[in-house]
Amino acid sequence: MASDPVCPKCNSENIYNDGTLWICPDCSHETVSLTTVNETAAHDAGEFVVRDANGNALKDGDTVTVIKDLKVKGASGSVKVGTKVKNIRLVDGSDGHNIACKIDGFGAMNLKSEFVRKA
C-alpha cells in the first residue's frame, strides 16, 4: 500500500487528503493531488483521461453498461438501463459527450461518461 506523501513545505507527515487537495494542518499548505497533476499533464500532452460513473479509467475498445435511461433526441424510444455498449471510442467532445459508439437499434451516437460504467 502506498504511503501518504509528506508536505512539500514543512515535510510533515500529518498531511491528509481532502477531495483533490492534500492539506497540511501544521503549516496550512495545500497541494494538488498527484492523480490530478498526472491527468492534467496527460491532457496537456494530447492524451486525456475519461472516467466512468464509478471513477474507473476508460480506454478505446472497452465495453460499458448504461446506468440510467437516456432519452434520444429524434427517436421515439430511449436507451434503457443495463444496455451494453461494445467497442467504444473516446473523443474530446466540447459538449461533454466524450464516448462515441454504436448502439443496436439506435445507430451511431455520442454518450457522456457520467452515465456509463465499465463492464
C-alpha atoms as a PDB file:
ATOM      1  CA  MET A   1       0.000   0.000   0.000  1.00  0.00           C
ATOM      2  CA  ALA A   2       1.345   3.419  -0.934  1.00  0.00           C
ATOM      3  CA  SER A   3       2.026   5.785   1.928  1.00  0.00           C
ATOM      4  CA  ASP A   4       0.653   9.317   2.049  1.00  0.00           C
ATOM      5  CA  PRO A   5       3.024  11.995   0.785  1.00  0.00           C
ATOM      6  CA  VAL A   6       4.745  14.430   3.080  1.00  0.00           C
ATOM      7  CA  CYS A   7       4.139  18.170   2.989  1.00  0.00           C
ATOM      8  CA  PRO A   8       6.451  19.788   0.402  1.00  0.00           C
ATOM      9  CA  LYS A   9       6.686  22.936   2.510  1.00  0.00           C
ATOM     10  CA  CYS A  10       7.438  21.648   6.038  1.00  0.00           C
ATOM     11  CA  ASN A  11       7.987  17.870   5.450  1.00  0.00           C
ATOM     12  CA  SER A  12       5.302  16.997   7.998  1.00  0.00           C
ATOM     13  CA  GLU A  13       3.745  13.538   7.818  1.00  0.00           C
ATOM     14  CA  ASN A  14       0.402  14.813   9.171  1.00  0.00           C
ATOM     15  CA  ILE A  15      -0.848  15.590   5.662  1.00  0.00           C
ATOM     16  CA  TYR A  16      -4.352  14.414   4.688  1.00  0.00           C
ATOM     17  CA  ASN A  17      -6.409  14.180   1.519  1.00  0.00           C
ATOM     18  CA  ASP A  18      -9.489  16.383   1.077  1.00  0.00           C
ATOM     19  CA  GLY A  19     -11.047  15.808  -2.337  1.00  0.00           C
ATOM     20  CA  THR A  20      -8.443  16.851  -4.901  1.00  0.00           C
ATOM     21  CA  LEU A  21      -6.137  18.534  -2.364  1.00  0.00           C
ATOM     22  CA  TRP A  22      -3.538  17.348   0.136  1.00  0.00           C
ATOM     23  CA  ILE A  23      -3.674  19.624   3.184  1.00  0.00           C
ATOM     24  CA  CYS A  24      -1.044  20.023   5.908  1.00  0.00           C
ATOM     25  CA  PRO A  25      -2.608  21.022   9.259  1.00  0.00           C
ATOM     26  CA  ASP A  26       0.789  22.111  10.623  1.00  0.00           C
ATOM     27  CA  CYS A  27       1.610  24.826   8.085  1.00  0.00           C
ATOM     28  CA  SER A  28      -1.776  25.127   6.260  1.00  0.00           C
ATOM     29  CA  HIS A  29      -0.128  24.352   2.907  1.00  0.00           C
ATOM     30  CA  GLU A  30      -2.427  22.898   0.228  1.00  0.00           C
ATOM     31  CA  THR A  31      -1.063  20.719  -2.585  1.00  0.00           C
ATOM     32  CA  VAL A  32      -2.944  19.436  -5.621  1.00  0.00           C
ATOM     33  CA  SER A  33      -3.420  15.667  -5.590  1.00  0.00           C
ATOM     34  CA  LEU A  34      -0.924  13.610  -7.592  1.00  0.00           C
ATOM     35  CA  THR A  35      -3.671  11.978  -9.696  1.00  0.00           C
ATOM     36  CA  THR A  36      -4.988  15.417 -10.693  1.00  0.00           C
ATOM     37  CA  VAL A  37      -1.480  16.513 -11.672  1.00  0.00           C
ATOM     38  CA  ASN A  38      -0.995  13.351 -13.783  1.00  0.00           C
ATOM     39  CA  GLU A  39      -4.374  13.763 -15.516  1.00  0.00           C
ATOM     40  CA  THR A  40      -3.688  17.450 -16.240  1.00  0.00           C
ATOM     41  CA  ALA A  41      -0.265  16.610 -17.684  1.00  0.00           C
ATOM     42  CA  ALA A  42      -1.776  13.842 -19.843  1.00  0.00           C
ATOM     43  CA  HIS A  43      -4.478  16.214 -21.109  1.00  0.00           C
ATOM     44  CA  ASP A  44      -1.899  18.889 -21.938  1.00  0.00           C
ATOM     45  CA  ALA A  45       0.176  16.298 -23.826  1.00  0.00           C
ATOM     46  CA  GLY A  46      -2.780  15.488 -26.063  1.00  0.00           C
ATOM     47  CA  GLU A  47      -3.862  12.431 -24.084  1.00  0.00           C
ATOM     48  CA  PHE A  48      -6.901  12.750 -21.900  1.00  0.00           C
ATOM     49  CA  VAL A  49      -8.386  10.525 -19.234  1.00  0.00           C
ATOM     50  CA  VAL A  50     -12.069   9.669 -19.399  1.00  0.00           C
ATOM     51  CA  ARG A  51     -13.614   8.177 -16.263  1.00  0.00           C
ATOM     52  CA  ASP A  52     -16.928   6.356 -15.886  1.00  0.00           C
ATOM     53  CA  ALA A  53     -19.539   6.993 -13.181  1.00  0.00           C
ATOM     54  CA  ASN A  54     -17.547   4.887 -10.689  1.00  0.00           C
ATOM     55  CA  GLY A  55     -14.241   6.631 -11.395  1.00  0.00           C
ATOM     56  CA  ASN A  56     -12.674   3.846 -13.481  1.00  0.00           C
ATOM     57  CA  ALA A  57     -10.491   4.984 -16.365  1.00  0.00           C
ATOM     58  CA  LEU A  58     -11.885   4.097 -19.782  1.00  0.00           C
ATOM     59  CA  LYS A  59      -9.939   3.386 -22.952  1.00  0.00           C
ATOM     60  CA  ASP A  60     -10.741   2.787 -26.607  1.00  0.00           C
ATOM     61  CA  GLY A  61     -12.341  -0.603 -27.262  1.00  0.00           C
ATOM     62  CA  ASP A  62     -13.821  -1.045 -23.765  1.00  0.00           C
ATOM     63  CA  THR A  63     -17.325  -2.329 -23.126  1.00  0.00           C
ATOM     64  CA  VAL A  64     -19.565  -0.182 -20.933  1.00  0.00           C
ATOM     65  CA  THR A  65     -23.048  -0.501 -19.441  1.00  0.00           C
ATOM     66  CA  VAL A  66     -25.589   2.332 -19.366  1.00  0.00           C
ATOM     67  CA  ILE A  67     -26.633   3.146 -15.766  1.00  0.00           C
ATOM     68  CA  LYS A  68     -29.593   5.446 -16.481  1.00  0.00           C
ATOM     69  CA  ASP A  69     -32.408   5.600 -19.040  1.00  0.00           C
ATOM     70  CA  LEU A  70     -31.223   8.048 -21.703  1.00  0.00           C
ATOM     71  CA  LYS A  71     -33.670   9.896 -23.934  1.00  0.00           C
ATOM     72  CA  VAL A  72     -32.522  10.118 -27.530  1.00  0.00           C
ATOM     73  CA  LYS A  73     -33.410  13.243 -29.490  1.00  0.00           C
ATOM     74  CA  GLY A  74     -35.247  12.410 -32.688  1.00  0.00           C
ATOM     75  CA  ALA A  75     -36.058   8.854 -31.626  1.00  0.00           C
ATOM     76  CA  SER A  76     -39.284   7.515 -30.172  1.00  0.00           C
ATOM     77  CA  GLY A  77     -37.543   5.315 -27.593  1.00  0.00           C
ATOM     78  CA  SER A  78     -34.759   5.646 -25.088  1.00  0.00           C
ATOM     79  CA  VAL A  79     -31.595   3.744 -24.288  1.00  0.00           C
ATOM     80  CA  LYS A  80     -32.537   1.570 -21.313  1.00  0.00           C
ATOM     81  CA  VAL A  81     -30.608   0.881 -18.115  1.00  0.00           C
ATOM     82  CA  GLY A  82     -28.295  -2.110 -18.499  1.00  0.00           C
ATOM     83  CA  THR A  83     -27.710  -1.688 -22.235  1.00  0.00           C
ATOM     84  CA  LYS A  84     -24.199  -2.914 -23.052  1.00  0.00           C
ATOM     85  CA  VAL A  85     -22.200  -0.829 -25.476  1.00  0.00           C
ATOM     86  CA  LYS A  86     -19.183  -2.572 -27.008  1.00  0.00           C
ATOM     87  CA  ASN A  87     -16.080  -1.167 -28.654  1.00  0.00           C
ATOM     88  CA  ILE A  88     -16.318   2.465 -27.526  1.00  0.00           C
ATOM     89  CA  ARG A  89     -14.085   5.249 -28.874  1.00  0.00           C
ATOM     90  CA  LEU A  90     -13.013   8.122 -26.656  1.00  0.00           C
ATOM     91  CA  VAL A  91     -13.398  11.582 -28.171  1.00  0.00           C
ATOM     92  CA  ASP A  92     -12.694  15.030 -26.792  1.00  0.00           C
ATOM     93  CA  GLY A  93     -16.221  16.420 -27.184  1.00  0.00           C
ATOM     94  CA  SER A  94     -16.635  20.061 -26.267  1.00  0.00           C
ATOM     95  CA  ASP A  95     -20.274  19.452 -25.271  1.00  0.00           C
ATOM     96  CA  GLY A  96     -19.405  16.802 -22.650  1.00  0.00           C
ATOM     97  CA  HIS A  97     -20.158  13.802 -24.864  1.00  0.00           C
ATOM     98  CA  ASN A  98     -16.809  12.033 -24.707  1.00  0.00           C
ATOM     99  CA  ILE A  99     -17.734   8.499 -25.846  1.00  0.00           C
ATOM    100  CA  ALA A 100     -18.511   7.680 -29.478  1.00  0.00           C
ATOM    101  CA  CYS A 101     -20.232   4.326 -30.045  1.00  0.00           C
ATOM    102  CA  LYS A 102     -22.861   2.335 -31.914  1.00  0.00           C
ATOM    103  CA  ILE A 103     -25.921   1.125 -30.030  1.00  0.00           C
ATOM    104  CA  ASP A 104     -28.125  -1.606 -31.515  1.00  0.00           C
ATOM    105  CA  GLY A 105     -31.463  -0.132 -32.559  1.00  0.00           C
ATOM    106  CA  PHE A 106     -30.203   3.459 -32.442  1.00  0.00           C
ATOM    107  CA  GLY A 107     -27.028   3.527 -34.531  1.00  0.00           C
ATOM    108  CA  ALA A 108     -24.009   5.773 -34.040  1.00  0.00           C
ATOM    109  CA  MET A 109     -24.201   8.237 -31.156  1.00  0.00           C
ATOM    110  CA  ASN A 110     -22.181  10.007 -28.503  1.00  0.00           C
ATOM    111  CA  LEU A 111     -22.583   9.413 -24.765  1.00  0.00           C
ATOM    112  CA  LYS A 112     -21.426  11.188 -21.634  1.00  0.00           C
ATOM    113  CA  SER A 113     -19.123   9.074 -19.486  1.00  0.00           C
ATOM    114  CA  GLU A 114     -21.044  10.009 -16.328  1.00  0.00           C
ATOM    115  CA  PHE A 115     -23.951   7.788 -17.483  1.00  0.00           C
ATOM    116  CA  VAL A 116     -21.945   4.595 -18.059  1.00  0.00           C
ATOM    117  CA  ARG A 117     -19.859   2.187 -16.034  1.00  0.00           C
ATOM    118  CA  LYS A 118     -17.132  -0.132 -17.190  1.00  0.00           C
ATOM    119  CA  ALA A 119     -18.413  -3.666 -17.819  1.00  0.00           C
END
